[in-house]
């Protein structure tokens, strides 16, 4: 049976250290983007949502942020 699972990549900055691992939780800092489950799990959908949510963000930063937020398997 073939499957194509959705894989979410969680990247945390050094400032959080090992707290999420030690505490058994995941923290995502995209509060302004709302419920991430409502965004189609594709890089293009994340890029579009980032651009709308953060209109002052530089165009070159949008793909970077989308790539950090989403990993596709």
C-alpha atoms as a PDB file:
ATOM      1  CA  UNK A   1       0.000   0.000   0.000  1.00  0.00           C
ATOM      2  CA  UNK A   2       1.502   3.329  -1.084  1.00  0.00           C
ATOM      3  CA  UNK A   3       1.029   6.393   1.034  1.00  0.00           C
ATOM      4  CA  UNK A   4       1.993  10.023   0.807  1.00  0.00           C
ATOM      5  CA  UNK A   5       1.969  11.278   4.400  1.00  0.00           C
ATOM      6  CA  UNK A   6       2.004  14.940   5.320  1.00  0.00           C
ATOM      7  CA  UNK A   7       5.110  15.750   7.336  1.00  0.00           C
ATOM      8  CA  UNK A   8       5.362  18.931   9.364  1.00  0.00           C
ATOM      9  CA  UNK A   9       8.839  20.228  10.120  1.00  0.00           C
ATOM     10  CA  UNK A  10       9.154  21.979  13.454  1.00  0.00           C
ATOM     11  CA  UNK A  11      12.174  24.273  13.748  1.00  0.00           C
ATOM     12  CA  UNK A  12      12.908  26.002  17.024  1.00  0.00           C
ATOM     13  CA  UNK A  13      15.486  28.660  17.687  1.00  0.00           C
ATOM     14  CA  UNK A  14      18.292  28.215  20.169  1.00  0.00           C
ATOM     15  CA  UNK A  15      16.455  30.520  22.582  1.00  0.00           C
ATOM     16  CA  UNK A  16      13.995  27.704  23.455  1.00  0.00           C
ATOM     17  CA  UNK A  17      16.799  25.230  24.228  1.00  0.00           C
ATOM     18  CA  UNK A  18      15.523  21.706  24.970  1.00  0.00           C
ATOM     19  CA  UNK A  19      12.433  22.858  26.899  1.00  0.00           C
ATOM     20  CA  UNK A  20       9.888  21.507  24.368  1.00  0.00           C
ATOM     21  CA  UNK A  21      11.651  18.144  24.137  1.00  0.00           C
ATOM     22  CA  UNK A  22      12.073  17.848  27.896  1.00  0.00           C
ATOM     23  CA  UNK A  23       8.501  19.050  28.461  1.00  0.00           C
ATOM     24  CA  UNK A  24       6.946  16.904  25.721  1.00  0.00           C
ATOM     25  CA  UNK A  25       5.333  19.718  23.739  1.00  0.00           C
ATOM     26  CA  UNK A  26       5.619  21.581  20.443  1.00  0.00           C
ATOM     27  CA  UNK A  27       5.369  25.370  20.279  1.00  0.00           C
ATOM     28  CA  UNK A  28       4.576  27.101  17.003  1.00  0.00           C
ATOM     29  CA  UNK A  29       4.949  30.874  16.871  1.00  0.00           C
ATOM     30  CA  UNK A  30       2.561  31.618  14.019  1.00  0.00           C
ATOM     31  CA  UNK A  31      -0.294  32.931  16.165  1.00  0.00           C
ATOM     32  CA  UNK A  32      -1.308  35.596  13.638  1.00  0.00           C
ATOM     33  CA  UNK A  33      -1.752  32.910  10.943  1.00  0.00           C
ATOM     34  CA  UNK A  34      -4.464  31.167  12.953  1.00  0.00           C
ATOM     35  CA  UNK A  35      -5.096  27.428  12.882  1.00  0.00           C
ATOM     36  CA  UNK A  36      -2.355  26.016  10.632  1.00  0.00           C
ATOM     37  CA  UNK A  37      -4.469  22.907  10.002  1.00  0.00           C
ATOM     38  CA  UNK A  38      -6.767  25.086   7.884  1.00  0.00           C
ATOM     39  CA  UNK A  39      -3.967  25.881   5.424  1.00  0.00           C
ATOM     40  CA  UNK A  40      -3.542  23.435   2.559  1.00  0.00           C
ATOM     41  CA  UNK A  41      -0.353  21.494   3.375  1.00  0.00           C
ATOM     42  CA  UNK A  42       1.734  22.858   0.530  1.00  0.00           C
ATOM     43  CA  UNK A  43       4.577  25.320   0.398  1.00  0.00           C
ATOM     44  CA  UNK A  44       2.643  27.567  -1.998  1.00  0.00           C
ATOM     45  CA  UNK A  45      -0.329  27.751   0.376  1.00  0.00           C
ATOM     46  CA  UNK A  46       1.953  28.637   3.288  1.00  0.00           C
ATOM     47  CA  UNK A  47       3.739  31.284   1.211  1.00  0.00           C
ATOM     48  CA  UNK A  48       0.394  32.843   0.292  1.00  0.00           C
ATOM     49  CA  UNK A  49      -0.758  32.844   3.924  1.00  0.00           C
ATOM     50  CA  UNK A  50       2.519  34.342   5.145  1.00  0.00           C
ATOM     51  CA  UNK A  51       2.277  37.092   2.492  1.00  0.00           C
ATOM     52  CA  UNK A  52      -1.295  37.995   3.478  1.00  0.00           C
ATOM     53  CA  UNK A  53      -0.691  37.761   7.223  1.00  0.00           C
ATOM     54  CA  UNK A  54       2.581  39.705   7.177  1.00  0.00           C
ATOM     55  CA  UNK A  55       2.177  42.252   4.342  1.00  0.00           C
ATOM     56  CA  UNK A  56       5.318  44.179   5.360  1.00  0.00           C
ATOM     57  CA  UNK A  57       7.550  41.110   5.107  1.00  0.00           C
ATOM     58  CA  UNK A  58      10.198  41.284   2.382  1.00  0.00           C
ATOM     59  CA  UNK A  59       9.346  39.158  -0.654  1.00  0.00           C
ATOM     60  CA  UNK A  60      12.581  37.179  -0.318  1.00  0.00           C
ATOM     61  CA  UNK A  61      11.774  36.251   3.284  1.00  0.00           C
ATOM     62  CA  UNK A  62       8.396  34.693   2.470  1.00  0.00           C
ATOM     63  CA  UNK A  63       9.746  31.472   0.874  1.00  0.00           C
ATOM     64  CA  UNK A  64      12.223  31.129   3.736  1.00  0.00           C
ATOM     65  CA  UNK A  65       9.501  31.442   6.366  1.00  0.00           C
ATOM     66  CA  UNK A  66       7.230  29.046   4.490  1.00  0.00           C
ATOM     67  CA  UNK A  67      10.060  26.524   4.195  1.00  0.00           C
ATOM     68  CA  UNK A  68      10.852  26.786   7.908  1.00  0.00           C
ATOM     69  CA  UNK A  69       7.189  26.312   8.797  1.00  0.00           C
ATOM     70  CA  UNK A  70       6.420  23.440   6.507  1.00  0.00           C
ATOM     71  CA  UNK A  71       8.252  20.306   5.558  1.00  0.00           C
ATOM     72  CA  UNK A  72       6.704  18.059   2.928  1.00  0.00           C
ATOM     73  CA  UNK A  73       7.532  14.366   2.730  1.00  0.00           C
END
